[in-house]
Amino acid sequence: MIKHLAHVALLVDDYDRAIEYYQHTLHFTLLEDTVLSPTKRWVLVAPKGANECSILLAKATDDEQRSRIGNQTGGRVFMFLYSDNLQRDYQTYLDNKVRIVEPPRKESYGTVFVFKDLYGNLWDMIEPG
């Protein structure tokens, strides 16, 4: 029986650059960084306190994969984060110079803002309500 979603792969250009961004800019936790070969690592990051799903930072290895870095969903929002204090997190991201695409706005499902990560992937930060 399937219990939960474990990881989502995110194509990156460089492991260390991606780790630096997700740890220090978005304040994610580095869960694992295991060398698998001279060119491949198993790198997992997740929002602090996340218990189930994490992001596998997967270094692109060929031209086709490299062409997808930053646009794995054709320009749609790719990832969704929940916040228990959206205004605090919005201010933290502004302070960390995260590229904000849309400032906080009220929706039927809560308050949301949209940002781009290091590579240009779109993310929603949502405070349900």
N, C-alpha and C. Protein backbone atom coordinates (compact mmCIF):
# COMPACT_ATOMS: atom_id res chain seq x y z
N MET A 1 0.84 -1.19 0.00
CA MET A 1 0.00 0.00 0.00
C MET A 1 0.88 1.25 0.00
N ILE A 2 0.57 2.18 -0.88
CA ILE A 2 1.33 3.43 -0.95
C ILE A 2 0.98 4.29 0.25
N LYS A 3 2.03 4.83 0.89
CA LYS A 3 1.83 5.62 2.11
C LYS A 3 1.83 7.13 1.86
N HIS A 4 2.78 7.62 1.05
CA HIS A 4 2.86 9.05 0.76
C HIS A 4 3.85 9.30 -0.36
N LEU A 5 3.80 10.49 -0.90
CA LEU A 5 4.76 10.92 -1.91
C LEU A 5 6.09 11.17 -1.21
N ALA A 6 7.16 10.58 -1.70
CA ALA A 6 8.45 10.66 -1.01
C ALA A 6 9.30 11.84 -1.50
N HIS A 7 9.53 11.94 -2.81
CA HIS A 7 10.41 12.98 -3.35
C HIS A 7 9.85 13.48 -4.69
N VAL A 8 10.21 14.71 -5.02
CA VAL A 8 9.93 15.29 -6.32
C VAL A 8 11.27 15.75 -6.87
N ALA A 9 11.61 15.34 -8.09
CA ALA A 9 12.89 15.72 -8.69
C ALA A 9 12.81 17.12 -9.28
N LEU A 10 13.85 17.89 -9.03
CA LEU A 10 13.96 19.25 -9.55
C LEU A 10 15.30 19.34 -10.27
N LEU A 11 15.27 19.61 -11.57
CA LEU A 11 16.51 19.70 -12.34
C LEU A 11 17.27 20.97 -11.98
N VAL A 12 18.57 20.82 -11.75
CA VAL A 12 19.45 21.94 -11.40
C VAL A 12 20.71 21.86 -12.25
N ASP A 13 21.46 22.96 -12.28
CA ASP A 13 22.69 22.98 -13.07
C ASP A 13 23.92 22.57 -12.26
N ASP A 14 23.85 22.73 -10.94
CA ASP A 14 25.00 22.46 -10.10
C ASP A 14 24.50 22.13 -8.69
N TYR A 15 24.97 21.03 -8.13
CA TYR A 15 24.51 20.62 -6.80
C TYR A 15 24.80 21.68 -5.73
N ASP A 16 26.03 22.13 -5.65
CA ASP A 16 26.40 23.05 -4.56
C ASP A 16 25.68 24.39 -4.67
N ARG A 17 25.53 24.89 -5.88
CA ARG A 17 24.80 26.15 -6.09
C ARG A 17 23.34 25.99 -5.64
N ALA A 18 22.72 24.88 -6.00
CA ALA A 18 21.33 24.64 -5.61
C ALA A 18 21.19 24.47 -4.10
N ILE A 19 22.10 23.72 -3.49
CA ILE A 19 22.06 23.54 -2.03
C ILE A 19 22.17 24.89 -1.34
N GLU A 20 23.12 25.69 -1.77
CA GLU A 20 23.32 27.01 -1.18
C GLU A 20 22.03 27.82 -1.24
N TYR A 21 21.38 27.85 -2.39
CA TYR A 21 20.16 28.63 -2.56
C TYR A 21 19.02 28.10 -1.69
N TYR A 22 18.78 26.81 -1.75
CA TYR A 22 17.64 26.26 -1.00
C TYR A 22 17.86 26.32 0.51
N GLN A 23 19.09 26.16 0.94
CA GLN A 23 19.37 26.26 2.38
C GLN A 23 19.36 27.70 2.88
N HIS A 24 20.09 28.57 2.21
CA HIS A 24 20.34 29.90 2.77
C HIS A 24 19.38 30.99 2.29
N THR A 25 18.78 30.79 1.14
CA THR A 25 17.83 31.80 0.65
C THR A 25 16.40 31.42 1.01
N LEU A 26 16.03 30.15 0.75
CA LEU A 26 14.66 29.71 1.05
C LEU A 26 14.53 29.07 2.43
N HIS A 27 15.65 28.89 3.11
CA HIS A 27 15.67 28.33 4.48
C HIS A 27 15.16 26.89 4.55
N PHE A 28 15.49 26.09 3.54
CA PHE A 28 15.18 24.67 3.56
C PHE A 28 16.26 23.95 4.35
N THR A 29 15.96 22.73 4.73
CA THR A 29 16.91 21.88 5.42
C THR A 29 17.54 20.91 4.42
N LEU A 30 18.86 20.76 4.49
CA LEU A 30 19.54 19.74 3.70
C LEU A 30 19.39 18.42 4.44
N LEU A 31 18.65 17.49 3.86
CA LEU A 31 18.38 16.21 4.50
C LEU A 31 19.44 15.17 4.20
N GLU A 32 19.96 15.23 2.97
CA GLU A 32 20.95 14.22 2.57
C GLU A 32 21.78 14.75 1.41
N ASP A 33 23.04 14.40 1.40
CA ASP A 33 23.94 14.71 0.29
C ASP A 33 24.93 13.56 0.19
N THR A 34 24.59 12.58 -0.62
CA THR A 34 25.37 11.37 -0.75
C THR A 34 25.97 11.28 -2.14
N VAL A 35 27.27 11.07 -2.22
CA VAL A 35 27.96 10.91 -3.50
C VAL A 35 27.66 9.51 -4.02
N LEU A 36 27.13 9.43 -5.24
CA LEU A 36 26.82 8.14 -5.87
C LEU A 36 27.87 7.74 -6.90
N SER A 37 28.50 8.75 -7.51
CA SER A 37 29.55 8.52 -8.50
C SER A 37 30.32 9.82 -8.61
N PRO A 38 31.38 9.87 -9.41
CA PRO A 38 32.10 11.13 -9.56
C PRO A 38 31.24 12.28 -10.11
N THR A 39 30.12 11.97 -10.77
CA THR A 39 29.29 13.02 -11.36
C THR A 39 27.86 13.06 -10.83
N LYS A 40 27.51 12.15 -9.94
CA LYS A 40 26.12 12.08 -9.47
C LYS A 40 26.04 12.02 -7.95
N ARG A 41 25.09 12.83 -7.40
CA ARG A 41 24.85 12.83 -5.96
C ARG A 41 23.35 12.66 -5.70
N TRP A 42 23.02 12.17 -4.52
CA TRP A 42 21.65 12.07 -4.06
C TRP A 42 21.48 13.19 -3.03
N VAL A 43 20.83 14.29 -3.47
CA VAL A 43 20.70 15.47 -2.64
C VAL A 43 19.22 15.73 -2.38
N LEU A 44 18.85 15.70 -1.10
CA LEU A 44 17.47 15.94 -0.70
C LEU A 44 17.39 17.19 0.17
N VAL A 45 16.44 18.06 -0.14
CA VAL A 45 16.15 19.24 0.67
C VAL A 45 14.65 19.28 0.92
N ALA A 46 14.27 19.97 2.00
CA ALA A 46 12.85 20.11 2.33
C ALA A 46 12.67 21.35 3.19
N PRO A 47 11.47 21.90 3.18
CA PRO A 47 11.20 23.00 4.11
C PRO A 47 11.44 22.53 5.54
N LYS A 48 11.91 23.43 6.37
CA LYS A 48 12.15 23.07 7.78
C LYS A 48 10.87 22.52 8.38
N GLY A 49 11.01 21.37 9.03
CA GLY A 49 9.86 20.74 9.69
C GLY A 49 9.04 19.83 8.81
N ALA A 50 9.33 19.78 7.51
CA ALA A 50 8.57 18.89 6.62
C ALA A 50 8.84 17.44 7.01
N ASN A 51 7.80 16.64 7.04
CA ASN A 51 7.94 15.26 7.50
C ASN A 51 7.89 14.22 6.41
N GLU A 52 7.31 14.54 5.28
CA GLU A 52 7.13 13.49 4.28
C GLU A 52 7.86 13.77 2.98
N CYS A 53 7.33 14.64 2.16
CA CYS A 53 7.87 14.85 0.82
C CYS A 53 9.07 15.80 0.85
N SER A 54 10.08 15.46 0.07
CA SER A 54 11.25 16.33 -0.07
C SER A 54 11.56 16.51 -1.55
N ILE A 55 12.49 17.40 -1.83
CA ILE A 55 12.91 17.68 -3.20
C ILE A 55 14.25 17.03 -3.45
N LEU A 56 14.33 16.25 -4.52
CA LEU A 56 15.58 15.67 -4.97
C LEU A 56 16.20 16.64 -5.96
N LEU A 57 17.31 17.25 -5.61
CA LEU A 57 18.01 18.15 -6.52
C LEU A 57 18.80 17.27 -7.50
N ALA A 58 18.34 17.23 -8.73
CA ALA A 58 18.90 16.33 -9.75
C ALA A 58 19.67 17.15 -10.77
N LYS A 59 20.97 16.93 -10.83
CA LYS A 59 21.79 17.68 -11.79
C LYS A 59 21.50 17.18 -13.20
N ALA A 60 21.17 18.12 -14.07
CA ALA A 60 20.91 17.79 -15.48
C ALA A 60 22.16 17.20 -16.10
N THR A 61 22.00 16.17 -16.90
CA THR A 61 23.15 15.46 -17.45
C THR A 61 23.28 15.53 -18.96
N ASP A 62 22.28 16.06 -19.65
CA ASP A 62 22.37 16.15 -21.11
C ASP A 62 21.64 17.40 -21.57
N ASP A 63 21.70 17.68 -22.87
CA ASP A 63 21.10 18.90 -23.40
C ASP A 63 19.60 18.95 -23.18
N GLU A 64 18.92 17.83 -23.33
CA GLU A 64 17.47 17.82 -23.14
C GLU A 64 17.11 18.18 -21.70
N GLN A 65 17.80 17.58 -20.74
CA GLN A 65 17.53 17.90 -19.34
C GLN A 65 17.90 19.34 -19.03
N ARG A 66 19.05 19.80 -19.53
CA ARG A 66 19.46 21.19 -19.28
C ARG A 66 18.44 22.19 -19.83
N SER A 67 17.78 21.82 -20.94
CA SER A 67 16.79 22.73 -21.54
C SER A 67 15.55 22.88 -20.66
N ARG A 68 15.36 21.97 -19.71
CA ARG A 68 14.18 22.00 -18.83
C ARG A 68 14.45 22.69 -17.49
N ILE A 69 15.70 23.00 -17.20
CA ILE A 69 16.01 23.66 -15.94
C ILE A 69 15.26 24.99 -15.88
N GLY A 70 14.50 25.18 -14.82
CA GLY A 70 13.76 26.42 -14.62
C GLY A 70 12.41 26.47 -15.30
N ASN A 71 12.07 25.44 -16.06
CA ASN A 71 10.78 25.46 -16.76
C ASN A 71 10.27 24.04 -16.93
N GLN A 72 10.19 23.32 -15.85
CA GLN A 72 9.77 21.93 -15.90
C GLN A 72 8.27 21.78 -16.14
N THR A 73 7.51 22.87 -16.02
CA THR A 73 6.05 22.79 -16.14
C THR A 73 5.51 23.71 -17.22
N GLY A 74 6.34 24.16 -18.13
CA GLY A 74 5.86 25.00 -19.22
C GLY A 74 5.39 26.38 -18.78
N GLY A 75 5.94 26.88 -17.67
CA GLY A 75 5.61 28.22 -17.21
C GLY A 75 4.52 28.28 -16.15
N ARG A 76 3.97 27.15 -15.77
CA ARG A 76 2.97 27.12 -14.69
C ARG A 76 3.68 27.03 -13.35
N VAL A 77 2.94 27.37 -12.29
CA VAL A 77 3.50 27.19 -10.96
C VAL A 77 3.86 25.71 -10.80
N PHE A 78 5.05 25.46 -10.25
CA PHE A 78 5.58 24.10 -10.16
C PHE A 78 5.44 23.53 -8.76
N MET A 79 5.72 24.33 -7.76
CA MET A 79 5.70 23.84 -6.38
C MET A 79 4.79 24.74 -5.54
N PHE A 80 4.24 24.14 -4.48
CA PHE A 80 3.33 24.84 -3.59
C PHE A 80 3.79 24.62 -2.15
N LEU A 81 3.99 25.72 -1.44
CA LEU A 81 4.40 25.67 -0.04
C LEU A 81 3.28 26.22 0.83
N TYR A 82 3.06 25.63 1.98
CA TYR A 82 2.11 26.17 2.95
C TYR A 82 2.90 26.90 4.03
N SER A 83 2.33 28.00 4.47
CA SER A 83 2.94 28.83 5.51
C SER A 83 1.97 28.99 6.66
N ASP A 84 2.50 29.07 7.88
CA ASP A 84 1.64 29.38 9.03
C ASP A 84 1.66 30.88 9.34
N ASN A 85 2.51 31.63 8.59
CA ASN A 85 2.56 33.08 8.74
C ASN A 85 3.10 33.65 7.44
N LEU A 86 2.22 33.87 6.50
CA LEU A 86 2.62 34.28 5.17
C LEU A 86 3.33 35.63 5.16
N GLN A 87 2.85 36.57 5.96
CA GLN A 87 3.48 37.90 5.96
C GLN A 87 4.94 37.81 6.42
N ARG A 88 5.20 37.01 7.45
CA ARG A 88 6.57 36.80 7.93
C ARG A 88 7.43 36.20 6.83
N ASP A 89 6.92 35.14 6.18
CA ASP A 89 7.70 34.46 5.15
C ASP A 89 7.89 35.34 3.92
N TYR A 90 6.89 36.12 3.57
CA TYR A 90 7.01 37.07 2.47
C TYR A 90 8.13 38.07 2.76
N GLN A 91 8.14 38.61 3.97
CA GLN A 91 9.17 39.59 4.34
C GLN A 91 10.56 38.94 4.34
N THR A 92 10.66 37.71 4.83
CA THR A 92 11.94 36.99 4.82
C THR A 92 12.44 36.81 3.39
N TYR A 93 11.54 36.44 2.48
CA TYR A 93 11.94 36.25 1.09
C TYR A 93 12.32 37.57 0.44
N LEU A 94 11.61 38.64 0.76
CA LEU A 94 12.02 39.96 0.27
C LEU A 94 13.42 40.31 0.78
N ASP A 95 13.65 40.08 2.07
CA ASP A 95 14.96 40.38 2.67
C ASP A 95 16.07 39.55 2.03
N ASN A 96 15.74 38.33 1.61
CA ASN A 96 16.72 37.43 0.99
C ASN A 96 16.81 37.61 -0.52
N LYS A 97 16.11 38.63 -1.04
CA LYS A 97 16.15 38.98 -2.46
C LYS A 97 15.61 37.87 -3.37
N VAL A 98 14.62 37.12 -2.87
CA VAL A 98 13.91 36.15 -3.70
C VAL A 98 13.09 36.95 -4.71
N ARG A 99 13.04 36.47 -5.94
CA ARG A 99 12.31 37.16 -7.00
C ARG A 99 10.80 36.95 -6.82
N ILE A 100 10.13 37.97 -6.35
CA ILE A 100 8.68 37.91 -6.14
C ILE A 100 8.00 38.24 -7.47
N VAL A 101 7.11 37.39 -7.90
CA VAL A 101 6.38 37.57 -9.15
C VAL A 101 5.04 38.26 -8.89
N GLU A 102 4.37 37.85 -7.81
CA GLU A 102 3.10 38.45 -7.42
C GLU A 102 3.09 38.63 -5.92
N PRO A 103 2.81 39.83 -5.42
CA PRO A 103 2.76 40.05 -3.98
C PRO A 103 1.56 39.33 -3.37
N PRO A 104 1.49 39.27 -2.05
CA PRO A 104 0.37 38.57 -1.41
C PRO A 104 -0.99 39.11 -1.85
N ARG A 105 -1.88 38.15 -2.06
CA ARG A 105 -3.26 38.48 -2.41
C ARG A 105 -4.18 37.45 -1.77
N LYS A 106 -5.40 37.88 -1.50
CA LYS A 106 -6.42 37.00 -0.91
C LYS A 106 -7.09 36.20 -2.03
N GLU A 107 -7.25 34.91 -1.78
CA GLU A 107 -7.99 34.02 -2.67
C GLU A 107 -8.99 33.24 -1.82
N SER A 108 -9.86 32.48 -2.44
CA SER A 108 -10.87 31.72 -1.69
C SER A 108 -10.23 30.66 -0.79
N TYR A 109 -9.05 30.20 -1.15
CA TYR A 109 -8.36 29.14 -0.38
C TYR A 109 -7.38 29.70 0.64
N GLY A 110 -7.16 31.02 0.65
CA GLY A 110 -6.23 31.63 1.59
C GLY A 110 -5.51 32.81 0.97
N THR A 111 -4.36 33.15 1.54
CA THR A 111 -3.53 34.22 1.02
C THR A 111 -2.32 33.59 0.34
N VAL A 112 -1.92 34.14 -0.80
CA VAL A 112 -0.86 33.54 -1.61
C VAL A 112 0.04 34.61 -2.19
N PHE A 113 1.33 34.29 -2.33
CA PHE A 113 2.22 35.07 -3.18
C PHE A 113 3.00 34.11 -4.04
N VAL A 114 3.48 34.61 -5.17
CA VAL A 114 4.19 33.79 -6.15
C VAL A 114 5.62 34.29 -6.24
N PHE A 115 6.57 33.33 -6.27
CA PHE A 115 7.97 33.70 -6.44
C PHE A 115 8.66 32.75 -7.41
N LYS A 116 9.82 33.19 -7.89
CA LYS A 116 10.66 32.35 -8.74
C LYS A 116 11.86 31.92 -7.94
N ASP A 117 12.26 30.67 -8.13
CA ASP A 117 13.47 30.19 -7.48
C ASP A 117 14.71 30.58 -8.28
N LEU A 118 15.83 30.10 -7.87
CA LEU A 118 17.12 30.39 -8.50
C LEU A 118 17.08 30.17 -10.01
N TYR A 119 16.33 29.18 -10.46
CA TYR A 119 16.32 28.78 -11.86
C TYR A 119 15.17 29.36 -12.66
N GLY A 120 14.21 29.98 -11.98
CA GLY A 120 13.06 30.53 -12.67
C GLY A 120 11.79 29.73 -12.52
N ASN A 121 11.83 28.61 -11.79
CA ASN A 121 10.62 27.85 -11.51
C ASN A 121 9.69 28.69 -10.65
N LEU A 122 8.40 28.63 -10.95
CA LEU A 122 7.40 29.37 -10.18
C LEU A 122 6.90 28.56 -9.01
N TRP A 123 6.76 29.21 -7.86
CA TRP A 123 6.28 28.62 -6.63
C TRP A 123 5.15 29.48 -6.06
N ASP A 124 4.17 28.83 -5.45
CA ASP A 124 3.16 29.53 -4.65
C ASP A 124 3.48 29.30 -3.19
N MET A 125 3.43 30.37 -2.41
CA MET A 125 3.48 30.27 -0.95
C MET A 125 2.07 30.62 -0.48
N ILE A 126 1.44 29.69 0.25
CA ILE A 126 0.03 29.83 0.61
C ILE A 126 -0.14 29.75 2.13
N GLU A 127 -0.91 30.67 2.67
CA GLU A 127 -1.39 30.54 4.04
C GLU A 127 -2.88 30.22 3.94
N PRO A 128 -3.25 28.95 4.18
CA PRO A 128 -4.66 28.58 4.05
C PRO A 128 -5.54 29.41 4.97
N GLY A 129 -6.76 29.58 4.52
CA GLY A 129 -7.66 30.32 5.40
C GLY A 129 -8.93 30.76 4.74
